[in-house]
PDB file of N, CA and C in Angstrom:
ATOM      1  N   MET A   1      -0.794  10.524 -21.464  1.00  0.00           N
ATOM      2  CA  MET A   1      -0.912  11.679 -20.160  1.00  0.00           C
ATOM      3  C   MET A   1      -0.833  11.933 -19.743  1.00  0.00           C
ATOM      4  N   ASN A   2      -2.112  12.542 -19.101  1.00  0.00           N
ATOM      5  CA  ASN A   2      -2.893  13.396 -18.649  1.00  0.00           C
ATOM      6  C   ASN A   2      -2.661  13.361 -17.058  1.00  0.00           C
ATOM      7  N   CYS A   3      -2.653  15.402 -16.755  1.00  0.00           N
ATOM      8  CA  CYS A   3      -2.033  15.277 -15.341  1.00  0.00           C
ATOM      9  C   CYS A   3      -2.950  15.635 -14.286  1.00  0.00           C
ATOM     10  N   ILE A   4      -3.530  15.144 -12.938  1.00  0.00           N
ATOM     11  CA  ILE A   4      -4.151  16.045 -13.250  1.00  0.00           C
ATOM     12  C   ILE A   4      -4.239  15.510 -11.028  1.00  0.00           C
ATOM     13  N   PHE A   5      -5.260  16.660 -10.307  1.00  0.00           N
ATOM     14  CA  PHE A   5      -4.248  16.541  -8.967  1.00  0.00           C
ATOM     15  C   PHE A   5      -6.009  16.596  -8.536  1.00  0.00           C
ATOM     16  N   VAL A   6      -5.680  15.213  -7.205  1.00  0.00           N
ATOM     17  CA  VAL A   6      -7.060  15.050  -6.582  1.00  0.00           C
ATOM     18  C   VAL A   6      -6.399  15.439  -5.445  1.00  0.00           C
ATOM     19  N   GLN A   7      -7.491  16.095  -4.839  1.00  0.00           N
ATOM     20  CA  GLN A   7      -7.948  16.416  -2.776  1.00  0.00           C
ATOM     21  C   GLN A   7      -8.459  15.137  -2.380  1.00  0.00           C
ATOM     22  N   LEU A   8      -7.890  15.030  -1.334  1.00  0.00           N
ATOM     23  CA  LEU A   8      -8.994  14.375  -0.585  1.00  0.00           C
ATOM     24  C   LEU A   8      -9.798  14.831   1.092  1.00  0.00           C
ATOM     25  N   ARG A   9     -11.052  14.615   0.867  1.00  0.00           N
ATOM     26  CA  ARG A   9     -10.949  15.008   3.033  1.00  0.00           C
ATOM     27  C   ARG A   9     -11.264  13.370   3.142  1.00  0.00           C
ATOM     28  N   CYS A  10     -10.252  12.887   4.125  1.00  0.00           N
ATOM     29  CA  CYS A  10     -10.434  11.883   5.067  1.00  0.00           C
ATOM     30  C   CYS A  10     -11.509  12.172   7.064  1.00  0.00           C
ATOM     31  N   LYS A  11     -11.815  10.184   7.306  1.00  0.00           N
ATOM     32  CA  LYS A  11     -12.123  10.566   8.231  1.00  0.00           C
ATOM     33  C   LYS A  11     -11.079  10.789   8.822  1.00  0.00           C
ATOM     34  N   PRO A  12     -11.185  12.182  10.204  1.00  0.00           N
ATOM     35  CA  PRO A  12     -10.819  11.734  11.587  1.00  0.00           C
ATOM     36  C   PRO A  12      -9.310  10.888  12.104  1.00  0.00           C
ATOM     37  N   GLY A  13      -8.421  10.914  11.853  1.00  0.00           N
ATOM     38  CA  GLY A  13      -7.472   9.748  11.635  1.00  0.00           C
ATOM     39  C   GLY A  13      -6.815   8.335  10.912  1.00  0.00           C
ATOM     40  N   THR A  14      -7.634   8.504   9.890  1.00  0.00           N
ATOM     41  CA  THR A  14      -7.688   7.670   8.225  1.00  0.00           C
ATOM     42  C   THR A  14      -6.307   8.164   7.586  1.00  0.00           C
ATOM     43  N   ALA A  15      -5.635   9.948   7.810  1.00  0.00           N
ATOM     44  CA  ALA A  15      -5.265  10.779   6.518  1.00  0.00           C
ATOM     45  C   ALA A  15      -3.958   9.541   6.217  1.00  0.00           C
ATOM     46  N   TYR A  16      -2.837   8.835   7.148  1.00  0.00           N
ATOM     47  CA  TYR A  16      -2.506   8.038   7.031  1.00  0.00           C
ATOM     48  C   TYR A  16      -2.062   6.778   6.030  1.00  0.00           C
ATOM     49  N   LYS A  17      -3.426   6.172   6.963  1.00  0.00           N
ATOM     50  CA  LYS A  17      -3.409   5.154   6.646  1.00  0.00           C
ATOM     51  C   LYS A  17      -4.265   5.368   5.308  1.00  0.00           C
ATOM     52  N   VAL A  18      -4.763   5.753   4.589  1.00  0.00           N
ATOM     53  CA  VAL A  18      -5.282   6.322   3.040  1.00  0.00           C
ATOM     54  C   VAL A  18      -4.223   6.491   2.340  1.00  0.00           C
ATOM     55  N   ALA A  19      -3.211   7.208   3.305  1.00  0.00           N
ATOM     56  CA  ALA A  19      -1.975   7.524   1.980  1.00  0.00           C
ATOM     57  C   ALA A  19      -1.128   6.256   1.659  1.00  0.00           C
ATOM     58  N   ASP A  20      -1.202   5.780   3.178  1.00  0.00           N
ATOM     59  CA  ASP A  20       0.168   4.327   2.795  1.00  0.00           C
ATOM     60  C   ASP A  20      -1.135   3.973   1.763  1.00  0.00           C
ATOM     61  N   THR A  21      -2.152   3.536   1.881  1.00  0.00           N
ATOM     62  CA  THR A  21      -2.804   2.203   0.526  1.00  0.00           C
ATOM     63  C   THR A  21      -2.470   2.986  -0.944  1.00  0.00           C
ATOM     64  N   ILE A  22      -3.225   4.430  -1.224  1.00  0.00           N
ATOM     65  CA  ILE A  22      -2.347   4.910  -2.610  1.00  0.00           C
ATOM     66  C   ILE A  22      -1.568   5.106  -2.322  1.00  0.00           C
ATOM     67  N   TYR A  23      -0.375   4.778  -2.109  1.00  0.00           N
ATOM     68  CA  TYR A  23       1.781   4.735  -1.954  1.00  0.00           C
ATOM     69  C   TYR A  23       1.963   3.586  -2.315  1.00  0.00           C
ATOM     70  N   GLU A  24       0.632   2.616  -1.643  1.00  0.00           N
ATOM     71  CA  GLU A  24       0.864   0.568  -2.131  1.00  0.00           C
ATOM     72  C   GLU A  24       0.695   0.275  -3.017  1.00  0.00           C
ATOM     73  N   ARG A  25      -0.949   1.220  -4.192  1.00  0.00           N
ATOM     74  CA  ARG A  25      -1.139   0.806  -4.898  1.00  0.00           C
ATOM     75  C   ARG A  25      -1.085   1.467  -6.851  1.00  0.00           C
ATOM     76  N   GLU A  26       0.360   2.288  -6.060  1.00  0.00           N
ATOM     77  CA  GLU A  26       1.245   3.250  -7.322  1.00  0.00           C
ATOM     78  C   GLU A  26       0.806   3.630  -8.096  1.00  0.00           C
ATOM     79  N   ILE A  27      -0.530   4.318  -8.039  1.00  0.00           N
ATOM     80  CA  ILE A  27      -1.228   4.676  -9.007  1.00  0.00           C
ATOM     81  C   ILE A  27      -0.853   6.666  -8.924  1.00  0.00           C
ATOM     82  N   ALA A  28       0.008   6.809  -7.482  1.00  0.00           N
ATOM     83  CA  ALA A  28       0.041   8.410  -8.144  1.00  0.00           C
ATOM     84  C   ALA A  28       1.254   8.654  -7.959  1.00  0.00           C
ATOM     85  N   SER A  29       1.363   9.548  -7.867  1.00  0.00           N
ATOM     86  CA  SER A  29       3.020  10.025  -8.580  1.00  0.00           C
ATOM     87  C   SER A  29       3.900  10.445  -7.680  1.00  0.00           C
ATOM     88  N   GLU A  30       3.168  11.535  -6.856  1.00  0.00           N
ATOM     89  CA  GLU A  30       3.008  11.982  -5.739  1.00  0.00           C
ATOM     90  C   GLU A  30       1.749  12.366  -4.936  1.00  0.00           C
ATOM     91  N   VAL A  31       1.766  12.399  -3.110  1.00  0.00           N
ATOM     92  CA  VAL A  31       1.186  12.226  -2.359  1.00  0.00           C
ATOM     93  C   VAL A  31       1.795  12.591  -1.401  1.00  0.00           C
ATOM     94  N   TYR A  32       0.926  13.522  -0.936  1.00  0.00           N
ATOM     95  CA  TYR A  32       1.199  15.187  -0.179  1.00  0.00           C
ATOM     96  C   TYR A  32       0.153  14.929   0.896  1.00  0.00           C
ATOM     97  N   SER A  33       0.594  15.209   2.161  1.00  0.00           N
ATOM     98  CA  SER A  33       0.047  15.294   3.462  1.00  0.00           C
ATOM     99  C   SER A  33      -0.581  17.764   2.860  1.00  0.00           C
ATOM    100  N   THR A  34      -1.873  17.611   3.683  1.00  0.00           N
ATOM    101  CA  THR A  34      -1.931  19.148   3.187  1.00  0.00           C
ATOM    102  C   THR A  34      -2.477  19.713   5.380  1.00  0.00           C
ATOM    103  N   SER A  35      -3.120  21.224   5.144  1.00  0.00           N
ATOM    104  CA  SER A  35      -3.539  21.692   6.303  1.00  0.00           C
ATOM    105  C   SER A  35      -4.715  22.419   5.530  1.00  0.00           C
ATOM    106  N   GLY A  36      -6.067  22.267   6.237  1.00  0.00           N
ATOM    107  CA  GLY A  36      -7.004  23.328   5.335  1.00  0.00           C
ATOM    108  C   GLY A  36      -8.107  22.365   4.948  1.00  0.00           C
ATOM    109  N   GLU A  37      -8.868  22.616   3.668  1.00  0.00           N
ATOM    110  CA  GLU A  37     -10.095  21.839   4.026  1.00  0.00           C
ATOM    111  C   GLU A  37     -10.020  20.113   3.718  1.00  0.00           C
ATOM    112  N   PHE A  38      -8.662  20.129   2.996  1.00  0.00           N
ATOM    113  CA  PHE A  38      -8.897  18.752   2.597  1.00  0.00           C
ATOM    114  C   PHE A  38      -7.918  18.302   3.317  1.00  0.00           C
ATOM    115  N   ASP A  39      -7.234  17.196   3.542  1.00  0.00           N
ATOM    116  CA  ASP A  39      -6.199  16.524   4.222  1.00  0.00           C
ATOM    117  C   ASP A  39      -4.673  15.805   2.614  1.00  0.00           C
ATOM    118  N   LEU A  40      -4.896  15.813   2.508  1.00  0.00           N
ATOM    119  CA  LEU A  40      -4.126  15.287   1.029  1.00  0.00           C
ATOM    120  C   LEU A  40      -4.410  15.352  -0.242  1.00  0.00           C
ATOM    121  N   LEU A  41      -2.623  15.523  -0.879  1.00  0.00           N
ATOM    122  CA  LEU A  41      -3.343  16.556  -2.552  1.00  0.00           C
ATOM    123  C   LEU A  41      -2.883  14.728  -2.761  1.00  0.00           C
ATOM    124  N   LEU A  42      -2.989  14.382  -4.642  1.00  0.00           N
ATOM    125  CA  LEU A  42      -2.381  13.135  -4.833  1.00  0.00           C
ATOM    126  C   LEU A  42      -2.086  14.276  -5.944  1.00  0.00           C
ATOM    127  N   LYS A  43      -0.919  14.046  -6.856  1.00  0.00           N
ATOM    128  CA  LYS A  43      -0.625  13.972  -8.370  1.00  0.00           C
ATOM    129  C   LYS A  43      -0.724  12.452  -8.733  1.00  0.00           C
ATOM    130  N   LEU A  44      -1.985  12.533 -10.325  1.00  0.00           N
ATOM    131  CA  LEU A  44      -1.691  11.813 -10.968  1.00  0.00           C
ATOM    132  C   LEU A  44      -1.447  12.426 -11.993  1.00  0.00           C
ATOM    133  N   TYR A  45      -0.745  11.173 -13.068  1.00  0.00           N
ATOM    134  CA  TYR A  45      -1.247  10.417 -14.325  1.00  0.00           C
ATOM    135  C   TYR A  45      -1.363   9.502 -14.998  1.00  0.00           C
ATOM    136  N   VAL A  46      -2.814  10.329 -15.681  1.00  0.00           N
ATOM    137  CA  VAL A  46      -3.931   9.513 -16.616  1.00  0.00           C
ATOM    138  C   VAL A  46      -4.002   8.739 -17.613  1.00  0.00           C
ATOM    139  N   PRO A  47      -3.498   7.663 -18.168  1.00  0.00           N
ATOM    140  CA  PRO A  47      -3.715   7.837 -19.692  1.00  0.00           C
ATOM    141  C   PRO A  47      -5.111   8.550 -20.520  1.00  0.00           C
ATOM    142  N   LYS A  48      -4.458   9.096 -21.639  1.00  0.00           N
ATOM    143  CA  LYS A  48      -4.684   9.640 -22.566  1.00  0.00           C
ATOM    144  C   LYS A  48      -6.880   9.244 -23.373  1.00  0.00           C
ATOM    145  N   ASP A  49      -6.410   8.305 -23.131  1.00  0.00           N
ATOM    146  CA  ASP A  49      -8.495   7.023 -23.284  1.00  0.00           C
ATOM    147  C   ASP A  49      -8.650   7.899 -22.128  1.00  0.00           C
ATOM    148  N   ALA A  50      -8.812   6.946 -20.819  1.00  0.00           N
ATOM    149  CA  ALA A  50      -8.887   6.601 -19.937  1.00  0.00           C
ATOM    150  C   ALA A  50     -10.101   7.902 -19.002  1.00  0.00           C
ATOM    151  N   ASP A  51     -11.221   7.561 -19.321  1.00  0.00           N
ATOM    152  CA  ASP A  51     -12.705   8.576 -18.470  1.00  0.00           C
ATOM    153  C   ASP A  51     -11.669   8.764 -16.985  1.00  0.00           C
ATOM    154  N   VAL A  52     -11.904   9.708 -17.191  1.00  0.00           N
ATOM    155  CA  VAL A  52     -11.550  10.281 -14.921  1.00  0.00           C
ATOM    156  C   VAL A  52     -11.690  10.229 -14.488  1.00  0.00           C
ATOM    157  N   GLY A  53     -13.587  10.540 -14.107  1.00  0.00           N
ATOM    158  CA  GLY A  53     -14.039  10.161 -13.567  1.00  0.00           C
ATOM    159  C   GLY A  53     -13.430   9.366 -13.283  1.00  0.00           C
ATOM    160  N   LYS A  54     -14.643   7.632 -14.206  1.00  0.00           N
ATOM    161  CA  LYS A  54     -14.297   6.601 -13.859  1.00  0.00           C
ATOM    162  C   LYS A  54     -12.997   6.275 -13.043  1.00  0.00           C
ATOM    163  N   TYR A  55     -11.918   5.873 -14.537  1.00  0.00           N
ATOM    164  CA  TYR A  55      -9.887   6.103 -12.920  1.00  0.00           C
ATOM    165  C   TYR A  55     -10.232   6.544 -11.822  1.00  0.00           C
ATOM    166  N   ILE A  56     -10.745   7.923 -11.331  1.00  0.00           N
ATOM    167  CA  ILE A  56     -10.835   8.262 -10.114  1.00  0.00           C
ATOM    168  C   ILE A  56     -11.476   7.709  -9.448  1.00  0.00           C
ATOM    169  N   ASN A  57     -13.174   6.672  -9.926  1.00  0.00           N
ATOM    170  CA  ASN A  57     -13.825   6.242  -8.731  1.00  0.00           C
ATOM    171  C   ASN A  57     -13.530   4.717  -8.531  1.00  0.00           C
ATOM    172  N   ASP A  58     -12.913   4.299 -10.567  1.00  0.00           N
ATOM    173  CA  ASP A  58     -12.645   2.881  -9.323  1.00  0.00           C
ATOM    174  C   ASP A  58     -10.582   2.277  -8.638  1.00  0.00           C
ATOM    175  N   ASN A  59     -10.202   3.881  -8.697  1.00  0.00           N
ATOM    176  CA  ASN A  59      -8.706   3.342  -7.973  1.00  0.00           C
ATOM    177  C   ASN A  59      -7.623   4.663  -6.856  1.00  0.00           C
ATOM    178  N   ILE A  60      -9.828   5.391  -6.789  1.00  0.00           N
ATOM    179  CA  ILE A  60      -9.132   6.089  -5.669  1.00  0.00           C
ATOM    180  C   ILE A  60     -10.003   5.969  -4.238  1.00  0.00           C
ATOM    181  N   LEU A  61     -11.392   5.995  -5.229  1.00  0.00           N
ATOM    182  CA  LEU A  61     -12.794   6.464  -3.971  1.00  0.00           C
ATOM    183  C   LEU A  61     -13.641   5.048  -3.655  1.00  0.00           C
ATOM    184  N   ASP A  62     -12.533   4.263  -3.349  1.00  0.00           N
ATOM    185  CA  ASP A  62     -12.689   3.562  -3.049  1.00  0.00           C
ATOM    186  C   ASP A  62     -12.093   2.920  -1.820  1.00  0.00           C
ATOM    187  N   ILE A  63     -11.484   3.458  -1.062  1.00  0.00           N
ATOM    188  CA  ILE A  63     -10.708   3.336  -0.255  1.00  0.00           C
ATOM    189  C   ILE A  63     -11.393   3.979   0.645  1.00  0.00           C
ATOM    190  N   GLU A  64     -10.998   2.852   2.135  1.00  0.00           N
ATOM    191  CA  GLU A  64     -11.729   3.296   3.545  1.00  0.00           C
ATOM    192  C   GLU A  64     -11.258   4.744   3.858  1.00  0.00           C
ATOM    193  N   GLY A  65     -12.167   5.979   5.176  1.00  0.00           N
ATOM    194  CA  GLY A  65     -11.530   6.411   5.096  1.00  0.00           C
ATOM    195  C   GLY A  65     -11.797   7.743   4.024  1.00  0.00           C
ATOM    196  N   ILE A  66     -12.249   7.433   2.979  1.00  0.00           N
ATOM    197  CA  ILE A  66     -11.946   9.065   2.147  1.00  0.00           C
ATOM    198  C   ILE A  66     -14.100   9.324   2.233  1.00  0.00           C
ATOM    199  N   THR A  67     -13.726  10.343   2.382  1.00  0.00           N
ATOM    200  CA  THR A  67     -15.350  11.330   2.633  1.00  0.00           C
ATOM    201  C   THR A  67     -15.579  12.188   2.012  1.00  0.00           C
ATOM    202  N   ARG A  68     -14.622  12.225   0.854  1.00  0.00           N
ATOM    203  CA  ARG A  68     -14.696  13.444   0.182  1.00  0.00           C
ATOM    204  C   ARG A  68     -13.907  13.785  -0.675  1.00  0.00           C
ATOM    205  N   SER A  69     -13.636  14.124  -2.081  1.00  0.00           N
ATOM    206  CA  SER A  69     -12.704  14.054  -2.726  1.00  0.00           C
ATOM    207  C   SER A  69     -12.808  15.493  -4.116  1.00  0.00           C
ATOM    208  N   PHE A  70     -11.885  16.197  -4.441  1.00  0.00           N
ATOM    209  CA  PHE A  70     -11.640  17.893  -4.920  1.00  0.00           C
ATOM    210  C   PHE A  70     -11.125  17.149  -6.548  1.00  0.00           C
ATOM    211  N   THR A  71     -11.370  17.295  -7.975  1.00  0.00           N
ATOM    212  CA  THR A  71     -10.771  16.720  -8.812  1.00  0.00           C
ATOM    213  C   THR A  71     -10.001  18.554  -9.728  1.00  0.00           C
ATOM    214  N   THR A  72      -9.090  18.664  -9.514  1.00  0.00           N
ATOM    215  CA  THR A  72      -8.573  18.925 -10.410  1.00  0.00           C
ATOM    216  C   THR A  72      -7.829  19.431 -11.889  1.00  0.00           C
ATOM    217  N   MET A  73      -8.413  19.215 -13.682  1.00  0.00           N
ATOM    218  CA  MET A  73      -7.645  19.145 -14.180  1.00  0.00           C
ATOM    219  C   MET A  73      -6.639  20.421 -14.126  1.00  0.00           C
ATOM    220  N   THR A  74      -5.665  19.622 -15.508  1.00  0.00           N
ATOM    221  CA  THR A  74      -5.015  19.946 -15.826  1.00  0.00           C
ATOM    222  C   THR A  74      -4.811  20.192 -17.697  1.00  0.00           C
ATOM    223  N   PHE A  75      -4.023  21.618 -17.869  1.00  0.00           N
ATOM    224  CA  PHE A  75      -4.354  21.313 -19.498  1.00  0.00           C
ATOM    225  C   PHE A  75      -2.687  21.811 -20.483  1.00  0.00           C
ATOM    226  N   LYS A  76      -1.793  22.430 -19.540  1.00  0.00           N
ATOM    227  CA  LYS A  76      -1.118  22.948 -20.103  1.00  0.00           C
ATOM    228  C   LYS A  76       0.349  22.819 -19.042  1.00  0.00           C
ATOM    229  N   ALA A  77       2.189  21.961 -19.606  1.00  0.00           N
ATOM    230  CA  ALA A  77       2.924  22.967 -18.151  1.00  0.00           C
ATOM    231  C   ALA A  77       3.668  23.950 -19.202  1.00  0.00           C
ATOM    232  N   PHE A  78       4.324  24.881 -18.356  1.00  0.00           N
ATOM    233  CA  PHE A  78       5.307  25.956 -18.522  1.00  0.00           C
ATOM    234  C   PHE A  78       5.960  26.018 -18.044  1.00  0.00           C
TER     235      PHE A  78
END
């Protein structure tokens, strides 16, 4: 499994609904509300053989209320 972090910007008033949908899908190990440019921060474990972009597109970006995403790939835990 590859650990990635995804930040999401949501339409005003939809962050909690987006977070609830992600939680219900059981695809994120952690979901945080954040301040700043993005509204939510997700920690995901993507299967090693999966295409990360397609995985995010198919499992996250189809959720109503998301306007932008920013993905950070990880390489090694210390």
